[in-house]
Protein backbone atom coordinates (compact mmCIF):
# COMPACT_ATOMS: atom_id res chain seq x y z
CA MET A 1 6.45 -12.61 -6.22
CA ASP A 2 3.34 -12.03 -8.24
CA LEU A 3 -0.26 -12.75 -7.27
CA VAL A 4 -0.22 -16.28 -8.74
CA LYS A 5 2.87 -17.26 -6.72
CA PHE A 6 1.40 -15.64 -3.58
CA LYS A 7 -1.89 -17.52 -4.05
CA ASN A 8 -0.02 -20.80 -4.48
CA ILE A 9 2.00 -20.22 -1.30
CA ILE A 10 -1.13 -19.38 0.72
CA ASN A 11 -2.98 -22.41 -0.64
CA ASP A 12 0.00 -24.68 0.11
CA LEU A 13 0.17 -23.41 3.69
CA PHE A 14 -3.54 -23.96 4.24
CA GLN A 15 -3.37 -27.46 2.72
CA LYS A 16 -0.45 -28.40 4.98
CA GLU A 17 -2.52 -27.32 7.96
CA THR A 18 -5.51 -29.27 6.55
CA ARG A 19 -7.61 -26.12 6.65
CA PRO A 20 -10.15 -25.07 4.04
CA LEU A 21 -8.59 -22.92 1.32
CA PRO A 22 -9.35 -19.19 1.59
CA ASN A 23 -11.36 -17.69 -1.24
CA PHE A 24 -9.62 -15.69 -3.95
CA ASN A 25 -10.96 -12.32 -2.74
CA LEU A 26 -9.34 -12.84 0.67
CA ILE A 27 -6.03 -13.84 -0.94
CA LYS A 28 -6.17 -10.83 -3.29
CA SER A 29 -6.89 -8.48 -0.37
CA ALA A 30 -3.90 -9.86 1.53
CA PHE A 31 -1.71 -9.51 -1.57
CA ASP A 32 -2.83 -5.92 -2.07
CA TYR A 33 -2.08 -5.14 1.59
CA VAL A 34 1.47 -6.49 1.34
CA ASP A 35 2.11 -4.93 -2.10
CA ILE A 36 3.00 -1.52 -0.66
CA LYS A 37 4.36 -0.15 -3.94
CA LYS A 38 1.21 -1.30 -5.78
CA ASP A 39 3.29 -2.59 -8.68
CA GLY A 40 1.72 -6.05 -8.78
CA LEU A 41 4.75 -7.67 -7.14
CA ILE A 42 5.78 -8.33 -3.56
CA ASP A 43 9.49 -7.87 -3.01
CA LEU A 44 11.49 -8.91 0.05
CA ASN A 45 11.21 -5.46 1.67
CA GLU A 46 7.42 -5.43 1.31
CA TRP A 47 7.22 -8.98 2.67
CA GLN A 48 9.30 -8.12 5.72
CA ARG A 49 7.37 -4.88 6.36
CA ALA A 50 4.08 -6.79 6.33
CA PHE A 51 5.34 -9.17 9.03
CA ALA A 52 6.86 -6.31 11.03
CA ALA A 53 3.48 -4.56 10.97
CA VAL A 54 2.00 -7.48 12.91
CA GLY A 55 4.98 -7.89 15.22
CA VAL A 56 6.79 -10.82 13.58
CA LYS A 57 10.55 -10.55 13.11
CA LEU A 58 11.92 -12.37 10.10
CA ASN A 59 15.53 -13.24 9.56
CA ILE A 60 15.60 -14.04 5.85
CA LYS A 61 18.69 -14.17 3.69
CA PHE A 62 18.53 -14.81 -0.02
CA ASN A 63 21.38 -15.83 -2.27
CA ILE A 64 20.61 -14.21 -5.57
């Protein structure tokens, strides 16, 4: 996913929780943290590694 998609997901999550939306700099920092390869995209491996780094186990399967 690119930064725009990531931002939309974060904003959707915050809206569903009726919390104030985070500012763009915070979202960009989070995106940059997860984007391990620094290629401007977050792939499934990077996404899972970010959650593993904070102790969350994901069981995601994609049909591509």
